Protein backbone atom coordinates (compact mmCIF):
# COMPACT_ATOMS: atom_id res chain seq x y z
CA MET A 1 89.63 102.07 80.37
CA THR A 2 91.77 101.06 82.91
CA ALA A 3 90.58 97.78 84.01
CA ASP A 4 91.27 96.56 79.90
CA VAL A 5 94.95 97.85 80.86
CA GLU A 6 97.86 94.70 82.08
CA ALA A 7 98.71 96.22 85.58
CA LEU A 8 102.79 96.20 85.77
CA TYR A 9 102.30 93.71 88.87
CA PRO A 10 99.41 91.31 89.99
CA SER A 11 99.23 92.77 93.90
CA ARG A 12 100.40 95.28 96.09
CA SER A 13 101.60 92.51 98.16
CA GLY A 14 103.56 91.05 94.90
CA ALA A 15 105.30 94.13 94.44
CA GLY A 16 106.82 94.05 97.92
CA ALA A 17 107.89 90.92 97.83
CA GLN A 18 109.76 91.57 94.14
CA LEU A 19 111.39 95.38 95.77
CA GLY A 20 112.51 93.13 98.86
CA ARG A 21 114.55 91.14 97.80
CA GLN A 22 115.80 93.33 95.52
CA VAL A 23 116.63 95.79 98.36
CA TYR A 24 117.73 93.05 99.66
CA GLN A 25 121.10 92.96 97.78
CA TYR A 26 122.07 96.81 98.82
CA ILE A 27 121.74 96.87 102.51
CA ASN A 28 122.37 95.33 105.84
CA PRO A 29 120.54 94.88 109.01
CA PRO A 30 119.71 97.20 111.44
CA THR A 31 117.01 97.40 108.63
CA LEU A 32 113.47 99.27 108.60
CA VAL A 33 111.40 99.86 106.39
CA LEU A 34 109.62 102.73 106.59
CA GLY A 35 106.39 102.82 104.17
CA ILE A 36 104.50 106.22 103.18
CA THR A 37 100.43 106.74 104.17
CA PRO A 38 99.10 105.45 102.50
CA SER A 39 100.20 104.44 99.02
CA GLY A 40 103.42 102.51 100.25
CA VAL A 41 101.82 101.01 103.46
CA GLU A 42 100.87 97.34 102.05
CA VAL A 43 104.11 97.71 99.29
CA ALA A 44 106.29 98.18 102.66
CA ALA A 45 104.58 95.98 104.64
CA ASN A 46 105.75 93.08 102.01
CA VAL A 47 109.44 93.81 101.76
CA ALA A 48 109.96 93.87 105.56
CA LYS A 49 109.04 91.29 105.96
CA ALA A 50 110.81 89.98 102.80
CA MET A 51 113.29 90.73 103.93
CA GLY A 52 113.35 89.25 107.75
CA CYS A 53 112.79 93.18 109.06
CA LYS A 54 111.22 95.52 111.39
CA PHE A 55 108.20 97.31 109.53
CA ASP A 56 106.43 101.04 111.01
CA VAL A 57 105.03 103.18 108.48
CA ILE A 58 105.66 106.93 108.00
CA VAL A 59 102.90 109.74 107.15
CA ALA A 60 103.46 112.52 104.65
CA ALA A 61 101.12 114.97 102.79
CA HIS A 62 101.09 117.17 100.25
CA VAL A 63 100.48 120.66 99.75
CA ARG A 64 98.61 121.82 97.21
CA LEU A 65 97.65 125.13 96.03
CA GLU A 66 94.57 125.84 93.81
CA GLY A 67 95.20 126.44 90.23
CA LEU A 68 98.52 125.36 90.52
CA GLY A 69 98.58 122.38 92.49
CA ILE A 70 100.98 119.99 94.02
CA VAL A 71 104.33 122.35 95.12
CA GLY A 72 105.85 120.21 97.80
CA ALA A 73 105.06 118.23 101.32
CA LEU A 74 105.47 117.88 104.34
CA ALA A 75 106.11 114.76 106.83
CA GLU A 76 106.21 113.64 110.70
CA ASP A 77 108.29 116.50 112.25
CA SER A 78 110.38 117.43 108.84
CA GLU A 79 109.87 121.29 107.35
CA ILE A 80 108.32 121.87 103.70
CA VAL A 81 110.02 120.72 100.96
CA LEU A 82 108.90 122.66 98.10
CA ASP A 83 109.12 121.72 94.64
CA PRO A 84 112.08 124.54 92.88
CA GLU A 85 110.12 124.98 90.22
CA PHE A 86 107.76 126.84 92.38
CA GLN A 87 108.61 130.52 92.55
CA PRO A 88 105.91 132.24 95.06
CA ARG A 89 104.28 135.26 93.68
CA PHE A 90 103.26 138.64 95.26
CA GLY A 91 100.21 138.02 97.57
CA ILE A 92 100.83 133.82 97.67
CA VAL A 93 102.48 133.91 100.83
CA GLU A 94 99.41 133.45 103.07
CA ALA A 95 98.02 130.59 100.89
CA LEU A 96 100.65 128.63 101.34
CA ASP A 97 100.79 129.13 104.90
CA GLU A 98 97.23 127.82 104.27
CA ALA A 99 98.01 124.92 102.49
CA ILE A 100 100.87 123.97 104.80
CA ASP A 101 98.86 124.81 107.85
CA ALA A 102 96.64 121.74 106.29
CA ALA A 103 99.16 119.43 105.62
CA ARG A 104 100.43 119.54 108.63
CA ARG A 105 96.49 118.33 110.55
CA ALA A 106 96.25 115.85 107.34
CA ILE A 107 98.86 114.44 109.26
CA LYS A 108 98.13 114.77 112.41
CA THR A 109 94.58 112.91 111.47
CA GLU A 110 96.41 110.40 109.33
CA ARG A 111 99.03 109.88 111.88
CA LEU A 112 96.04 108.67 114.93
CA LEU A 113 94.26 106.88 112.20
CA PHE A 114 97.48 104.75 110.60
CA ARG A 115 99.81 104.46 114.60
CA GLY A 116 97.41 105.75 116.66
CA THR A 117 98.77 107.29 119.92
CA ARG A 118 101.74 104.99 119.70
CA GLU A 119 105.75 106.89 118.29
CA LEU A 120 108.11 106.00 115.16
CA ARG A 121 110.34 103.48 115.65
CA SER A 122 113.69 104.38 116.85
CA VAL A 123 115.98 104.66 113.46
CA GLU A 124 118.50 105.73 115.57
CA ARG A 125 121.90 103.83 113.77
CA GLN A 126 119.51 101.62 112.04
CA ASN A 127 119.82 101.53 107.59
CA VAL A 128 116.20 102.59 106.78
CA VAL A 129 114.47 101.63 103.37
CA ILE A 130 111.64 104.83 102.52
CA VAL A 131 108.82 102.11 100.61
CA ASP A 132 106.30 104.15 98.34
CA GLY A 133 104.46 102.35 95.60
CA HIS A 134 103.45 103.80 92.57
CA LEU A 135 105.53 107.17 92.10
CA THR A 136 104.88 110.42 89.82
CA THR A 137 105.94 113.09 91.99
CA ALA A 138 108.85 113.09 94.77
CA TRP A 139 107.77 115.31 97.49
CA LYS A 140 106.10 113.39 100.11
CA THR A 141 109.30 111.17 99.78
CA LEU A 142 111.68 113.68 99.97
CA ALA A 143 109.83 114.96 102.61
CA ALA A 144 109.82 112.19 104.29
CA VAL A 145 113.66 111.48 103.78
CA GLU A 146 114.27 115.29 105.26
CA ALA A 147 112.36 114.11 108.32
CA ILE A 148 114.66 110.85 109.25
CA LYS A 149 117.73 112.28 108.58
CA GLY A 150 117.25 114.25 111.77
CA LYS A 151 117.15 111.57 113.53
CA ASP A 152 120.27 109.99 113.35
CA PRO A 153 120.00 107.10 110.83
CA ALA A 154 122.68 104.91 109.83
CA TYR A 155 122.15 105.53 106.05
CA ILE A 156 118.63 105.93 104.30
CA MET A 157 117.97 104.44 101.02
CA ILE A 158 114.27 105.19 99.17
CA ALA A 159 112.08 102.13 97.08
CA ALA A 160 109.70 102.16 94.54
CA PRO A 161 108.04 99.05 92.49
CA VAL A 162 106.76 101.96 90.34
CA SER A 163 107.94 105.81 89.23
CA THR A 164 108.73 107.86 86.59
CA GLN A 165 111.08 108.98 85.49
CA PRO A 166 111.12 112.52 86.34
CA VAL A 167 111.26 111.83 89.72
CA HIS A 168 114.49 108.87 89.23
CA ALA A 169 115.91 112.60 88.32
CA LYS A 170 114.44 113.67 90.90
CA MET A 171 116.40 111.26 93.51
CA ARG A 172 119.28 110.52 91.46
CA ALA A 173 119.96 114.51 91.78
CA ARG A 174 119.91 114.10 95.82
CA ARG A 175 122.86 111.44 95.88
CA LEU A 176 119.67 108.92 97.27
CA GLN A 177 119.95 104.89 96.35
CA PHE A 178 116.92 104.53 94.69
CA VAL A 179 115.91 101.30 94.04
CA CYS A 180 112.62 100.67 91.55
CA PRO A 181 112.29 97.84 88.95
CA SER A 182 109.70 99.49 86.97
CA VAL A 183 110.90 103.74 85.61
CA LEU A 184 107.86 104.64 83.65
CA MET A 185 109.21 107.50 80.75
CA ASP A 186 105.81 108.88 81.49
CA PRO A 187 105.68 111.71 83.55
CA ALA A 188 101.58 110.44 84.48
CA GLY A 189 102.79 107.08 85.79
CA HIS A 190 101.38 104.01 85.45
CA PRO A 191 96.92 103.83 84.55
CA ARG A 192 97.35 100.57 86.62
CA PRO A 193 100.85 99.28 88.22
CA PHE A 194 98.74 97.04 90.68
CA GLY A 195 96.59 94.45 90.03
CA ASP A 196 94.45 95.44 93.33
CA PRO A 197 91.52 96.84 93.13
CA GLN A 198 92.02 100.86 92.03
CA ASP A 199 89.31 102.33 94.37
CA PRO A 200 91.21 105.08 96.31
CA SER A 201 88.93 104.74 99.74
CA ALA A 202 89.49 100.74 99.78
CA GLU A 203 93.04 101.24 99.44
CA ARG A 204 93.37 103.34 102.11
CA LEU A 205 91.23 101.39 104.78
CA ARG A 206 93.57 98.01 103.07
CA SER A 207 96.19 100.40 103.94
CA ILE A 208 95.83 100.97 107.85
CA VAL A 209 94.65 98.18 107.88
CA VAL A 210 97.26 96.36 107.64
CA ALA A 211 99.87 98.79 109.26
CA ARG A 212 97.76 98.70 112.78
CA GLU A 213 97.89 94.32 111.83
CA ALA A 214 101.95 94.65 110.61
CA ALA A 215 103.40 97.63 113.02
């Protein structure tokens, strides 16, 4: 059972603090740390705290197709980032458009929950660290990178406490600096990356609270 597996990190907050100390060695101020909702928010808030820099959240959503699973992702104001291995078959374009529209609606809803009506903090001429928690797919992170690229940042770095080797390879292939202390060979990732309760609903609620308080 997952509860019997030893966690890689005692907590998401502890993982963020440790990650922040590592990221601090590679990037200079002014720096803005962005947590990808919902799984990167608590980690990112503690990365920012450890670095003594500003924090905000960026909203992203996977694009899923029935029978195929995740085929890409969107982040707020970004174009879709598709898995290059996904080849839309004849007759699937309509379903893909519907999946993209569903992801955009989800982003709109999540943005209100995590940031209210407030716009994303300006990234212009700032170093930006985009943070997630447990990366088993690259697409939400890459969509966040695309969203930030168009806002004139000085530099973009990716960071996560835990990632899989396939995700790590995708980041490197795009020549993105990626700080990740725990890279796992298993493409499914770790069954218990953090010692916190694993209930997704509780994690999401806690992330919303952290986003509203810390930002």
